[in-house]
PDB file of N, CA and C in Angstrom:
ATOM      1  N   MET A   1       8.139 -36.987 -39.503  1.00  0.00           N
ATOM      2  CA  MET A   1       8.778 -36.813 -38.213  1.00  0.00           C
ATOM      3  C   MET A   1       9.319 -35.392 -38.050  1.00  0.00           C
ATOM      4  N   ARG A   2       9.837 -34.871 -39.125  1.00  0.00           N
ATOM      5  CA  ARG A   2      10.454 -33.566 -39.052  1.00  0.00           C
ATOM      6  C   ARG A   2       9.430 -32.493 -38.679  1.00  0.00           C
ATOM      7  N   VAL A   3       8.224 -32.555 -39.221  1.00  0.00           N
ATOM      8  CA  VAL A   3       7.178 -31.572 -38.940  1.00  0.00           C
ATOM      9  C   VAL A   3       6.758 -31.661 -37.472  1.00  0.00           C
ATOM     10  N   ALA A   4       6.606 -32.851 -36.965  1.00  0.00           N
ATOM     11  CA  ALA A   4       6.224 -33.037 -35.559  1.00  0.00           C
ATOM     12  C   ALA A   4       7.288 -32.449 -34.640  1.00  0.00           C
ATOM     13  N   HIS A   5       8.539 -32.608 -35.011  1.00  0.00           N
ATOM     14  CA  HIS A   5       9.634 -32.055 -34.215  1.00  0.00           C
ATOM     15  C   HIS A   5       9.555 -30.522 -34.191  1.00  0.00           C
ATOM     16  N   HIS A   6       9.262 -29.918 -35.334  1.00  0.00           N
ATOM     17  CA  HIS A   6       9.139 -28.456 -35.414  1.00  0.00           C
ATOM     18  C   HIS A   6       7.948 -27.957 -34.590  1.00  0.00           C
ATOM     19  N   ILE A   7       6.852 -28.698 -34.650  1.00  0.00           N
ATOM     20  CA  ILE A   7       5.667 -28.318 -33.871  1.00  0.00           C
ATOM     21  C   ILE A   7       5.980 -28.368 -32.377  1.00  0.00           C
ATOM     22  N   ASP A   8       6.660 -29.425 -31.950  1.00  0.00           N
ATOM     23  CA  ASP A   8       7.048 -29.526 -30.537  1.00  0.00           C
ATOM     24  C   ASP A   8       7.990 -28.392 -30.138  1.00  0.00           C
ATOM     25  N   ASP A   9       8.911 -28.059 -31.027  1.00  0.00           N
ATOM     26  CA  ASP A   9       9.863 -26.983 -30.751  1.00  0.00           C
ATOM     27  C   ASP A   9       9.145 -25.635 -30.620  1.00  0.00           C
ATOM     28  N   ILE A  10       8.195 -25.374 -31.497  1.00  0.00           N
ATOM     29  CA  ILE A  10       7.422 -24.127 -31.428  1.00  0.00           C
ATOM     30  C   ILE A  10       6.623 -24.073 -30.123  1.00  0.00           C
ATOM     31  N   GLY A  11       6.010 -25.168 -29.759  1.00  0.00           N
ATOM     32  CA  GLY A  11       5.245 -25.225 -28.505  1.00  0.00           C
ATOM     33  C   GLY A  11       6.124 -24.995 -27.289  1.00  0.00           C
ATOM     34  N   ARG A  12       7.316 -25.594 -27.296  1.00  0.00           N
ATOM     35  CA  ARG A  12       8.243 -25.422 -26.175  1.00  0.00           C
ATOM     36  C   ARG A  12       8.687 -23.971 -26.057  1.00  0.00           C
ATOM     37  N   ARG A  13       9.051 -23.350 -27.184  1.00  0.00           N
ATOM     38  CA  ARG A  13       9.492 -21.947 -27.158  1.00  0.00           C
ATOM     39  C   ARG A  13       8.356 -21.018 -26.726  1.00  0.00           C
ATOM     40  N   ALA A  14       7.145 -21.308 -27.173  1.00  0.00           N
ATOM     41  CA  ALA A  14       5.998 -20.484 -26.771  1.00  0.00           C
ATOM     42  C   ALA A  14       5.759 -20.601 -25.264  1.00  0.00           C
ATOM     43  N   GLY A  15       5.871 -21.812 -24.749  1.00  0.00           N
ATOM     44  CA  GLY A  15       5.710 -22.008 -23.300  1.00  0.00           C
ATOM     45  C   GLY A  15       6.773 -21.274 -22.504  1.00  0.00           C
ATOM     46  N   GLU A  16       8.006 -21.318 -22.986  1.00  0.00           N
ATOM     47  CA  GLU A  16       9.093 -20.605 -22.307  1.00  0.00           C
ATOM     48  C   GLU A  16       8.874 -19.097 -22.357  1.00  0.00           C
ATOM     49  N   ALA A  17       8.365 -18.596 -23.490  1.00  0.00           N
ATOM     50  CA  ALA A  17       8.110 -17.153 -23.619  1.00  0.00           C
ATOM     51  C   ALA A  17       7.004 -16.712 -22.662  1.00  0.00           C
ATOM     52  N   VAL A  18       5.968 -17.512 -22.550  1.00  0.00           N
ATOM     53  CA  VAL A  18       4.875 -17.178 -21.628  1.00  0.00           C
ATOM     54  C   VAL A  18       5.371 -17.216 -20.188  1.00  0.00           C
ATOM     55  N   THR A  19       6.149 -18.221 -19.845  1.00  0.00           N
ATOM     56  CA  THR A  19       6.696 -18.319 -18.492  1.00  0.00           C
ATOM     57  C   THR A  19       7.582 -17.122 -18.170  1.00  0.00           C
ATOM     58  N   ALA A  20       8.423 -16.722 -19.104  1.00  0.00           N
ATOM     59  CA  ALA A  20       9.298 -15.562 -18.892  1.00  0.00           C
ATOM     60  C   ALA A  20       8.481 -14.280 -18.748  1.00  0.00           C
ATOM     61  N   ALA A  21       7.429 -14.134 -19.558  1.00  0.00           N
ATOM     62  CA  ALA A  21       6.582 -12.939 -19.467  1.00  0.00           C
ATOM     63  C   ALA A  21       5.865 -12.886 -18.124  1.00  0.00           C
ATOM     64  N   LEU A  22       5.373 -14.018 -17.652  1.00  0.00           N
ATOM     65  CA  LEU A  22       4.717 -14.056 -16.339  1.00  0.00           C
ATOM     66  C   LEU A  22       5.698 -13.725 -15.223  1.00  0.00           C
ATOM     67  N   ARG A  23       6.916 -14.229 -15.326  1.00  0.00           N
ATOM     68  CA  ARG A  23       7.939 -13.939 -14.320  1.00  0.00           C
ATOM     69  C   ARG A  23       8.272 -12.446 -14.309  1.00  0.00           C
ATOM     70  N   ASP A  24       8.429 -11.860 -15.504  1.00  0.00           N
ATOM     71  CA  ASP A  24       8.703 -10.419 -15.599  1.00  0.00           C
ATOM     72  C   ASP A  24       7.557  -9.597 -15.021  1.00  0.00           C
ATOM     73  N   TYR A  25       6.329 -10.000 -15.336  1.00  0.00           N
ATOM     74  CA  TYR A  25       5.159  -9.287 -14.822  1.00  0.00           C
ATOM     75  C   TYR A  25       5.118  -9.343 -13.295  1.00  0.00           C
ATOM     76  N   THR A  26       5.351 -10.514 -12.730  1.00  0.00           N
ATOM     77  CA  THR A  26       5.328 -10.665 -11.278  1.00  0.00           C
ATOM     78  C   THR A  26       6.423  -9.835 -10.624  1.00  0.00           C
ATOM     79  N   ASP A  27       7.618  -9.866 -11.195  1.00  0.00           N
ATOM     80  CA  ASP A  27       8.721  -9.068 -10.645  1.00  0.00           C
ATOM     81  C   ASP A  27       8.412  -7.575 -10.705  1.00  0.00           C
ATOM     82  N   ARG A  28       7.893  -7.120 -11.831  1.00  0.00           N
ATOM     83  CA  ARG A  28       7.568  -5.695 -11.990  1.00  0.00           C
ATOM     84  C   ARG A  28       6.463  -5.285 -11.017  1.00  0.00           C
ATOM     85  N   ARG A  29       5.451  -6.129 -10.879  1.00  0.00           N
ATOM     86  CA  ARG A  29       4.347  -5.832  -9.958  1.00  0.00           C
ATOM     87  C   ARG A  29       4.838  -5.763  -8.520  1.00  0.00           C
ATOM     88  N   THR A  30       5.693  -6.680  -8.122  1.00  0.00           N
ATOM     89  CA  THR A  30       6.254  -6.670  -6.772  1.00  0.00           C
ATOM     90  C   THR A  30       7.076  -5.415  -6.539  1.00  0.00           C
ATOM     91  N   ARG A  31       7.904  -5.047  -7.498  1.00  0.00           N
ATOM     92  CA  ARG A  31       8.748  -3.854  -7.365  1.00  0.00           C
ATOM     93  C   ARG A  31       7.896  -2.589  -7.252  1.00  0.00           C
ATOM     94  N   LEU A  32       6.872  -2.469  -8.095  1.00  0.00           N
ATOM     95  CA  LEU A  32       6.011  -1.290  -8.050  1.00  0.00           C
ATOM     96  C   LEU A  32       5.217  -1.221  -6.749  1.00  0.00           C
ATOM     97  N   THR A  33       4.784  -2.357  -6.248  1.00  0.00           N
ATOM     98  CA  THR A  33       4.062  -2.385  -4.977  1.00  0.00           C
ATOM     99  C   THR A  33       4.960  -1.926  -3.845  1.00  0.00           C
ATOM    100  N   GLU A  34       6.199  -2.385  -3.839  1.00  0.00           N
ATOM    101  CA  GLU A  34       7.132  -1.978  -2.789  1.00  0.00           C
ATOM    102  C   GLU A  34       7.448  -0.492  -2.878  1.00  0.00           C
ATOM    103  N   GLN A  35       7.517   0.053  -4.085  1.00  0.00           N
ATOM    104  CA  GLN A  35       7.788   1.482  -4.248  1.00  0.00           C
ATOM    105  C   GLN A  35       6.584   2.322  -3.845  1.00  0.00           C
ATOM    106  N   ALA A  36       5.390   1.831  -4.093  1.00  0.00           N
ATOM    107  CA  ALA A  36       4.178   2.605  -3.803  1.00  0.00           C
ATOM    108  C   ALA A  36       3.801   2.548  -2.333  1.00  0.00           C
ATOM    109  N   ARG A  37       4.190   1.503  -1.646  1.00  0.00           N
ATOM    110  CA  ARG A  37       3.780   1.318  -0.253  1.00  0.00           C
ATOM    111  C   ARG A  37       4.153   2.492   0.641  1.00  0.00           C
ATOM    112  N   PRO A  38       5.377   3.038   0.593  1.00  0.00           N
ATOM    113  CA  PRO A  38       5.688   4.176   1.463  1.00  0.00           C
ATOM    114  C   PRO A  38       4.791   5.383   1.207  1.00  0.00           C
ATOM    115  N   SER A  39       4.417   5.631  -0.047  1.00  0.00           N
ATOM    116  CA  SER A  39       3.559   6.782  -0.322  1.00  0.00           C
ATOM    117  C   SER A  39       2.165   6.558   0.240  1.00  0.00           C
ATOM    118  N   TRP A  40       1.684   5.300   0.263  1.00  0.00           N
ATOM    119  CA  TRP A  40       0.387   5.037   0.876  1.00  0.00           C
ATOM    120  C   TRP A  40       0.456   5.349   2.361  1.00  0.00           C
ATOM    121  N   THR A  41       1.541   4.948   3.012  1.00  0.00           N
ATOM    122  CA  THR A  41       1.701   5.202   4.436  1.00  0.00           C
ATOM    123  C   THR A  41       1.747   6.699   4.702  1.00  0.00           C
ATOM    124  N   ALA A  42       2.444   7.438   3.874  1.00  0.00           N
ATOM    125  CA  ALA A  42       2.523   8.888   4.042  1.00  0.00           C
ATOM    126  C   ALA A  42       1.149   9.520   3.846  1.00  0.00           C
ATOM    127  N   ALA A  43       0.409   9.056   2.854  1.00  0.00           N
ATOM    128  CA  ALA A  43      -0.927   9.603   2.607  1.00  0.00           C
ATOM    129  C   ALA A  43      -1.850   9.309   3.780  1.00  0.00           C
ATOM    130  N   GLU A  44      -1.772   8.096   4.320  1.00  0.00           N
ATOM    131  CA  GLU A  44      -2.591   7.754   5.480  1.00  0.00           C
ATOM    132  C   GLU A  44      -2.235   8.634   6.660  1.00  0.00           C
ATOM    133  N   SER A  45      -0.961   8.908   6.847  1.00  0.00           N
ATOM    134  CA  SER A  45      -0.518   9.753   7.950  1.00  0.00           C
ATOM    135  C   SER A  45      -1.054  11.169   7.801  1.00  0.00           C
ATOM    136  N   VAL A  46      -1.014  11.701   6.589  1.00  0.00           N
ATOM    137  CA  VAL A  46      -1.524  13.055   6.341  1.00  0.00           C
ATOM    138  C   VAL A  46      -3.026  13.111   6.614  1.00  0.00           C
ATOM    139  N   ILE A  47      -3.752  12.118   6.144  1.00  0.00           N
ATOM    140  CA  ILE A  47      -5.202  12.084   6.368  1.00  0.00           C
ATOM    141  C   ILE A  47      -5.505  11.969   7.853  1.00  0.00           C
ATOM    142  N   ARG A  48      -4.778  11.103   8.560  1.00  0.00           N
ATOM    143  CA  ARG A  48      -4.986  10.930   9.998  1.00  0.00           C
ATOM    144  C   ARG A  48      -4.719  12.236  10.739  1.00  0.00           C
ATOM    145  N   ASP A  49      -3.632  12.922  10.395  1.00  0.00           N
ATOM    146  CA  ASP A  49      -3.310  14.198  11.045  1.00  0.00           C
ATOM    147  C   ASP A  49      -4.381  15.249  10.767  1.00  0.00           C
ATOM    148  N   ARG A  50      -4.867  15.286   9.528  1.00  0.00           N
ATOM    149  CA  ARG A  50      -5.906  16.261   9.184  1.00  0.00           C
ATOM    150  C   ARG A  50      -7.184  15.991   9.970  1.00  0.00           C
ATOM    151  N   LEU A  51      -7.590  14.721  10.047  1.00  0.00           N
ATOM    152  CA  LEU A  51      -8.789  14.376  10.806  1.00  0.00           C
ATOM    153  C   LEU A  51      -8.627  14.700  12.284  1.00  0.00           C
ATOM    154  N   GLN A  52      -7.439  14.465  12.824  1.00  0.00           N
ATOM    155  CA  GLN A  52      -7.175  14.774  14.227  1.00  0.00           C
ATOM    156  C   GLN A  52      -7.274  16.280  14.464  1.00  0.00           C
ATOM    157  N   ARG A  53      -6.691  17.085  13.567  1.00  0.00           N
ATOM    158  CA  ARG A  53      -6.776  18.549  13.702  1.00  0.00           C
ATOM    159  C   ARG A  53      -8.222  19.023  13.629  1.00  0.00           C
ATOM    160  N   GLU A  54      -8.987  18.465  12.676  1.00  0.00           N
ATOM    161  CA  GLU A  54     -10.391  18.851  12.549  1.00  0.00           C
ATOM    162  C   GLU A  54     -11.171  18.500  13.811  1.00  0.00           C
ATOM    163  N   ALA A  55     -10.899  17.331  14.383  1.00  0.00           N
ATOM    164  CA  ALA A  55     -11.582  16.935  15.617  1.00  0.00           C
ATOM    165  C   ALA A  55     -11.183  17.846  16.767  1.00  0.00           C
ATOM    166  N   ASP A  56      -9.909  18.225  16.827  1.00  0.00           N
ATOM    167  CA  ASP A  56      -9.462  19.138  17.885  1.00  0.00           C
ATOM    168  C   ASP A  56     -10.144  20.497  17.750  1.00  0.00           C
ATOM    169  N   LEU A  57     -10.243  20.994  16.520  1.00  0.00           N
ATOM    170  CA  LEU A  57     -10.894  22.285  16.302  1.00  0.00           C
ATOM    171  C   LEU A  57     -12.380  22.217  16.635  1.00  0.00           C
ATOM    172  N   ALA A  58     -13.006  21.102  16.349  1.00  0.00           N
ATOM    173  CA  ALA A  58     -14.429  20.946  16.662  1.00  0.00           C
ATOM    174  C   ALA A  58     -14.660  20.938  18.168  1.00  0.00           C
ATOM    175  N   ASP A  59     -13.672  20.542  18.953  1.00  0.00           N
ATOM    176  CA  ASP A  59     -13.819  20.484  20.410  1.00  0.00           C
ATOM    177  C   ASP A  59     -13.850  21.864  21.055  1.00  0.00           C
ATOM    178  N   TYR A  60     -13.422  22.905  20.337  1.00  0.00           N
ATOM    179  CA  TYR A  60     -13.455  24.246  20.933  1.00  0.00           C
ATOM    180  C   TYR A  60     -14.887  24.664  21.250  1.00  0.00           C
ATOM    181  N   GLY A  61     -15.826  24.198  20.459  1.00  0.00           N
ATOM    182  CA  GLY A  61     -17.223  24.532  20.708  1.00  0.00           C
ATOM    183  C   GLY A  61     -17.781  23.813  21.918  1.00  0.00           C
ATOM    184  N   SER A  62     -17.294  22.636  22.197  1.00  0.00           N
ATOM    185  CA  SER A  62     -17.749  21.867  23.364  1.00  0.00           C
ATOM    186  C   SER A  62     -16.523  21.280  24.055  1.00  0.00           C
ATOM    187  N   PRO A  63     -15.859  22.075  24.909  1.00  0.00           N
ATOM    188  CA  PRO A  63     -14.631  21.596  25.554  1.00  0.00           C
ATOM    189  C   PRO A  63     -14.875  20.356  26.409  1.00  0.00           C
ATOM    190  N   GLN A  64     -13.873  19.512  26.460  1.00  0.00           N
ATOM    191  CA  GLN A  64     -13.937  18.294  27.261  1.00  0.00           C
ATOM    192  C   GLN A  64     -12.847  18.343  28.314  1.00  0.00           C
ATOM    193  N   VAL A  65     -13.061  17.593  29.377  1.00  0.00           N
ATOM    194  CA  VAL A  65     -12.034  17.473  30.404  1.00  0.00           C
ATOM    195  C   VAL A  65     -10.982  16.509  29.871  1.00  0.00           C
ATOM    196  N   LEU A  66      -9.731  16.956  29.881  1.00  0.00           N
ATOM    197  CA  LEU A  66      -8.652  16.117  29.373  1.00  0.00           C
ATOM    198  C   LEU A  66      -7.971  15.402  30.521  1.00  0.00           C
ATOM    199  N   LEU A  67      -7.755  14.143  30.337  1.00  0.00           N
ATOM    200  CA  LEU A  67      -7.019  13.351  31.319  1.00  0.00           C
ATOM    201  C   LEU A  67      -5.529  13.525  31.054  1.00  0.00           C
ATOM    202  N   PRO A  68      -4.670  13.228  32.033  1.00  0.00           N
ATOM    203  CA  PRO A  68      -3.224  13.408  31.830  1.00  0.00           C
ATOM    204  C   PRO A  68      -2.687  12.722  30.573  1.00  0.00           C
ATOM    205  N   ALA A  69      -3.199  11.558  30.261  1.00  0.00           N
ATOM    206  CA  ALA A  69      -2.722  10.860  29.064  1.00  0.00           C
ATOM    207  C   ALA A  69      -3.090  11.645  27.806  1.00  0.00           C
ATOM    208  N   ASP A  70      -4.264  12.269  27.799  1.00  0.00           N
ATOM    209  CA  ASP A  70      -4.679  13.068  26.650  1.00  0.00           C
ATOM    210  C   ASP A  70      -3.827  14.318  26.516  1.00  0.00           C
ATOM    211  N   VAL A  71      -3.528  14.960  27.636  1.00  0.00           N
ATOM    212  CA  VAL A  71      -2.722  16.177  27.608  1.00  0.00           C
ATOM    213  C   VAL A  71      -1.312  15.862  27.108  1.00  0.00           C
ATOM    214  N   ALA A  72      -0.788  14.722  27.502  1.00  0.00           N
ATOM    215  CA  ALA A  72       0.571  14.349  27.099  1.00  0.00           C
ATOM    216  C   ALA A  72       0.671  14.205  25.586  1.00  0.00           C
ATOM    217  N   SER A  73      -0.378  13.737  24.960  1.00  0.00           N
ATOM    218  CA  SER A  73      -0.330  13.567  23.508  1.00  0.00           C
ATOM    219  C   SER A  73      -0.778  14.822  22.778  1.00  0.00           C
ATOM    220  N   ALA A  74      -1.285  15.805  23.503  1.00  0.00           N
ATOM    221  CA  ALA A  74      -1.734  17.086  22.955  1.00  0.00           C
ATOM    222  C   ALA A  74      -3.054  16.978  22.210  1.00  0.00           C
ATOM    223  N   SER A  75      -3.651  15.814  22.174  1.00  0.00           N
ATOM    224  CA  SER A  75      -4.945  15.676  21.515  1.00  0.00           C
ATOM    225  C   SER A  75      -5.719  14.508  22.115  1.00  0.00           C
ATOM    226  N   PRO A  76      -6.985  14.738  22.444  1.00  0.00           N
ATOM    227  CA  PRO A  76      -7.798  13.617  22.927  1.00  0.00           C
ATOM    228  C   PRO A  76      -8.189  12.675  21.795  1.00  0.00           C
ATOM    229  N   HIS A  77      -7.877  13.046  20.576  1.00  0.00           N
ATOM    230  CA  HIS A  77      -8.270  12.240  19.423  1.00  0.00           C
ATOM    231  C   HIS A  77      -7.127  11.396  18.882  1.00  0.00           C
ATOM    232  N   THR A  78      -6.011  11.405  19.568  1.00  0.00           N
ATOM    233  CA  THR A  78      -4.883  10.595  19.128  1.00  0.00           C
ATOM    234  C   THR A  78      -5.222   9.130  19.351  1.00  0.00           C
ATOM    235  N   ARG A  79      -4.992   8.350  18.331  1.00  0.00           N
ATOM    236  CA  ARG A  79      -5.293   6.927  18.429  1.00  0.00           C
ATOM    237  C   ARG A  79      -4.155   6.215  19.138  1.00  0.00           C
ATOM    238  N   ARG A  80      -4.485   5.492  20.160  1.00  0.00           N
ATOM    239  CA  ARG A  80      -3.478   4.730  20.900  1.00  0.00           C
ATOM    240  C   ARG A  80      -3.630   3.254  20.567  1.00  0.00           C
ATOM    241  N   LEU A  81      -2.513   2.624  20.276  1.00  0.00           N
ATOM    242  CA  LEU A  81      -2.550   1.195  19.922  1.00  0.00           C
ATOM    243  C   LEU A  81      -2.229   0.350  21.112  1.00  0.00           C
TER     244      LEU A  81
END
């Protein structure tokens, strides 16, 4: 009986250790994702601005008629949602 009790105890502790490790991993992953998210948004903004500038510069070769809404935003390539 004593050996069976020890085996059960080892199994229980191993299960608790795995559960705690999974919880720590999930918490760390969530925290890192939340910290990284603003930098992704900033990177997307920089890329969007660069593409908009490149499109504006490309328009000098073939000028387009700008509508009032385009003039207000200073670029016909501004994405409107």
